[in-house]
C-alpha atoms as a PDB file:
ATOM      1  CA  MET A   1      91.113 141.522 -10.044  1.00  0.00           C
ATOM      2  CA  CYS A   2      93.079 138.804 -11.816  1.00  0.00           C
ATOM      3  CA  ARG A   3      90.924 137.428 -14.609  1.00  0.00           C
ATOM      4  CA  GLY A   4      92.072 133.836 -14.109  1.00  0.00           C
ATOM      5  CA  TYR A   5      89.537 131.007 -13.933  1.00  0.00           C
ATOM      6  CA  VAL A   6      90.394 130.218 -10.312  1.00  0.00           C
ATOM      7  CA  PHE A   7      88.870 133.539  -9.223  1.00  0.00           C
ATOM      8  CA  THR A   8      85.463 132.991 -10.851  1.00  0.00           C
ATOM      9  CA  THR A   9      83.632 132.274  -7.593  1.00  0.00           C
ATOM     10  CA  ALA A  10      85.364 135.098  -5.737  1.00  0.00           C
ATOM     11  CA  ARG A  11      84.587 137.513  -8.591  1.00  0.00           C
ATOM     12  CA  GLU A  12      80.896 136.545  -8.579  1.00  0.00           C
ATOM     13  CA  ALA A  13      80.664 136.900  -4.782  1.00  0.00           C
ATOM     14  CA  LEU A  14      82.255 140.356  -4.806  1.00  0.00           C
ATOM     15  CA  ILE A  15      80.016 141.591  -7.625  1.00  0.00           C
ATOM     16  CA  GLU A  16      76.981 140.258  -5.748  1.00  0.00           C
ATOM     17  CA  LYS A  17      78.076 142.311  -2.725  1.00  0.00           C
ATOM     18  CA  GLY A  18      78.201 145.441  -4.888  1.00  0.00           C
ATOM     19  CA  TYR A  19      81.914 145.726  -5.600  1.00  0.00           C
ATOM     20  CA  ASN A  20      82.919 147.197  -8.942  1.00  0.00           C
ATOM     21  CA  LEU A  21      85.685 144.991 -10.352  1.00  0.00           C
ATOM     22  CA  VAL A  22      88.115 145.542 -13.190  1.00  0.00           C
ATOM     23  CA  ASP A  23      89.678 142.424 -14.722  1.00  0.00           C
ATOM     24  CA  VAL A  24      93.434 142.634 -15.232  1.00  0.00           C
ATOM     25  CA  LYS A  25      96.175 140.300 -16.368  1.00  0.00           C
ATOM     26  CA  ILE A  26      98.866 139.787 -13.753  1.00  0.00           C
ATOM     27  CA  THR A  27     102.365 139.636 -15.294  1.00  0.00           C
ATOM     28  CA  GLY A  28     106.041 140.129 -14.540  1.00  0.00           C
ATOM     29  CA  VAL A  29     107.341 140.293 -10.989  1.00  0.00           C
ATOM     30  CA  THR A  30     103.836 140.179  -9.504  1.00  0.00           C
ATOM     31  CA  GLN A  31     103.013 136.992 -11.420  1.00  0.00           C
ATOM     32  CA  ARG A  32     106.266 135.341 -10.355  1.00  0.00           C
ATOM     33  CA  MET A  33     105.636 136.271  -6.711  1.00  0.00           C
ATOM     34  CA  VAL A  34     102.097 134.857  -6.832  1.00  0.00           C
ATOM     35  CA  GLU A  35     103.330 131.628  -8.449  1.00  0.00           C
ATOM     36  CA  GLU A  36     106.048 131.260  -5.802  1.00  0.00           C
ATOM     37  CA  GLU A  37     103.578 131.727  -2.942  1.00  0.00           C
ATOM     38  CA  PHE A  38     101.165 129.279  -4.558  1.00  0.00           C
ATOM     39  CA  LEU A  39     103.892 126.619  -4.776  1.00  0.00           C
ATOM     40  CA  LYS A  40     104.886 127.245  -1.149  1.00  0.00           C
ATOM     41  CA  SER A  41     101.254 126.830  -0.062  1.00  0.00           C
ATOM     42  CA  LEU A  42     101.059 123.458  -1.849  1.00  0.00           C
ATOM     43  CA  VAL A  43     104.201 122.323  -0.006  1.00  0.00           C
ATOM     44  CA  GLU A  44     102.697 123.475   3.316  1.00  0.00           C
ATOM     45  CA  LEU A  45      99.536 121.481   2.536  1.00  0.00           C
ATOM     46  CA  GLY A  46     101.659 118.369   2.129  1.00  0.00           C
ATOM     47  CA  ILE A  47     101.111 117.945  -1.616  1.00  0.00           C
ATOM     48  CA  GLY A  48     104.829 117.299  -2.113  1.00  0.00           C
ATOM     49  CA  ASP A  49     108.214 118.928  -1.800  1.00  0.00           C
ATOM     50  CA  TYR A  50     109.003 122.117  -3.720  1.00  0.00           C
ATOM     51  CA  GLU A  51     110.398 120.397  -6.824  1.00  0.00           C
ATOM     52  CA  GLU A  52     107.436 118.002  -6.990  1.00  0.00           C
ATOM     53  CA  VAL A  53     104.832 120.745  -6.850  1.00  0.00           C
ATOM     54  CA  LYS A  54     106.816 122.871  -9.272  1.00  0.00           C
ATOM     55  CA  SER A  55     106.768 120.022 -11.798  1.00  0.00           C
ATOM     56  CA  MET A  56     102.968 119.826 -11.446  1.00  0.00           C
ATOM     57  CA  ARG A  57     102.688 123.251 -13.063  1.00  0.00           C
ATOM     58  CA  SER A  58     103.314 121.599 -16.433  1.00  0.00           C
ATOM     59  CA  PHE A  59     100.606 119.622 -18.208  1.00  0.00           C
ATOM     60  CA  LYS A  60     102.552 116.360 -18.122  1.00  0.00           C
ATOM     61  CA  GLY A  61     103.638 116.898 -14.511  1.00  0.00           C
ATOM     62  CA  PHE A  62     100.045 117.488 -13.437  1.00  0.00           C
ATOM     63  CA  LEU A  63      98.805 114.357 -15.229  1.00  0.00           C
ATOM     64  CA  THR A  64     101.572 112.307 -13.617  1.00  0.00           C
ATOM     65  CA  TYR A  65     100.467 113.590 -10.203  1.00  0.00           C
ATOM     66  CA  VAL A  66      96.799 112.778 -10.892  1.00  0.00           C
ATOM     67  CA  PHE A  67      97.486 109.273 -12.208  1.00  0.00           C
ATOM     68  CA  GLN A  68      99.618 108.346  -9.171  1.00  0.00           C
ATOM     69  CA  LYS A  69      96.389 108.256  -7.107  1.00  0.00           C
ATOM     70  CA  LEU A  70      93.646 108.563  -9.694  1.00  0.00           C
ATOM     71  CA  GLY A  71      90.775 107.724  -7.342  1.00  0.00           C
ATOM     72  CA  GLU A  72      91.710 110.540  -4.970  1.00  0.00           C
ATOM     73  CA  ARG A  73      92.957 113.122  -7.484  1.00  0.00           C
ATOM     74  CA  GLU A  74      90.707 112.919 -10.519  1.00  0.00           C
ATOM     75  CA  LYS A  75      88.581 115.650  -8.930  1.00  0.00           C
ATOM     76  CA  TYR A  76      91.417 118.098  -9.690  1.00  0.00           C
ATOM     77  CA  VAL A  77      91.064 117.646 -13.437  1.00  0.00           C
ATOM     78  CA  LYS A  78      89.266 120.518 -15.158  1.00  0.00           C
ATOM     79  CA  THR A  79      85.576 119.787 -15.505  1.00  0.00           C
ATOM     80  CA  GLY A  80      84.218 119.773 -19.028  1.00  0.00           C
ATOM     81  CA  TRP A  81      87.550 118.711 -20.528  1.00  0.00           C
ATOM     82  CA  ARG A  82      86.384 116.505 -23.400  1.00  0.00           C
ATOM     83  CA  ARG A  83      89.725 114.717 -23.891  1.00  0.00           C
ATOM     84  CA  TRP A  84      89.972 113.612 -20.269  1.00  0.00           C
ATOM     85  CA  GLY A  85      88.008 110.385 -20.829  1.00  0.00           C
ATOM     86  CA  ARG A  86      90.290 109.333 -23.676  1.00  0.00           C
ATOM     87  CA  ILE A  87      93.490 110.267 -21.816  1.00  0.00           C
ATOM     88  CA  LYS A  88      92.353 108.350 -18.746  1.00  0.00           C
ATOM     89  CA  GLU A  89      91.480 105.313 -20.853  1.00  0.00           C
ATOM     90  CA  GLU A  90      94.858 105.411 -22.627  1.00  0.00           C
ATOM     91  CA  GLU A  91      96.660 105.611 -19.290  1.00  0.00           C
ATOM     92  CA  ASN A  92      94.657 102.690 -17.904  1.00  0.00           C
ATOM     93  CA  ASN A  93      95.526 100.647 -21.014  1.00  0.00           C
ATOM     94  CA  GLY A  94      99.242 101.437 -20.633  1.00  0.00           C
ATOM     95  CA  ASN A  95      99.487 103.713 -23.672  1.00  0.00           C
ATOM     96  CA  GLU A  96     101.492 106.935 -23.543  1.00  0.00           C
ATOM     97  CA  THR A  97      99.331 110.058 -23.279  1.00  0.00           C
ATOM     98  CA  LYS A  98      99.981 112.901 -25.692  1.00  0.00           C
ATOM     99  CA  PRO A  99      98.771 116.421 -24.810  1.00  0.00           C
END
């Protein structure tokens, strides 16, 4: 199973049900296909058009998306990210955020 963070809950549920999992890193053609399908699913959910959701895959693009509707989208920011409070404050004060 892909060892990415997004699969943590699924991994735990499968182990609890008795499945024996092997963590792997997905790369190459498989990774590109997964990324493409993920972007398509975001478009289908109405997050934005293809180019908009593609730009969200970068750090700056994601922050731009979150800050457009902070009240609704802050929940998408990684929990436990210590710099988030400072970045949010800088954005609210009109300062440019640096990664």
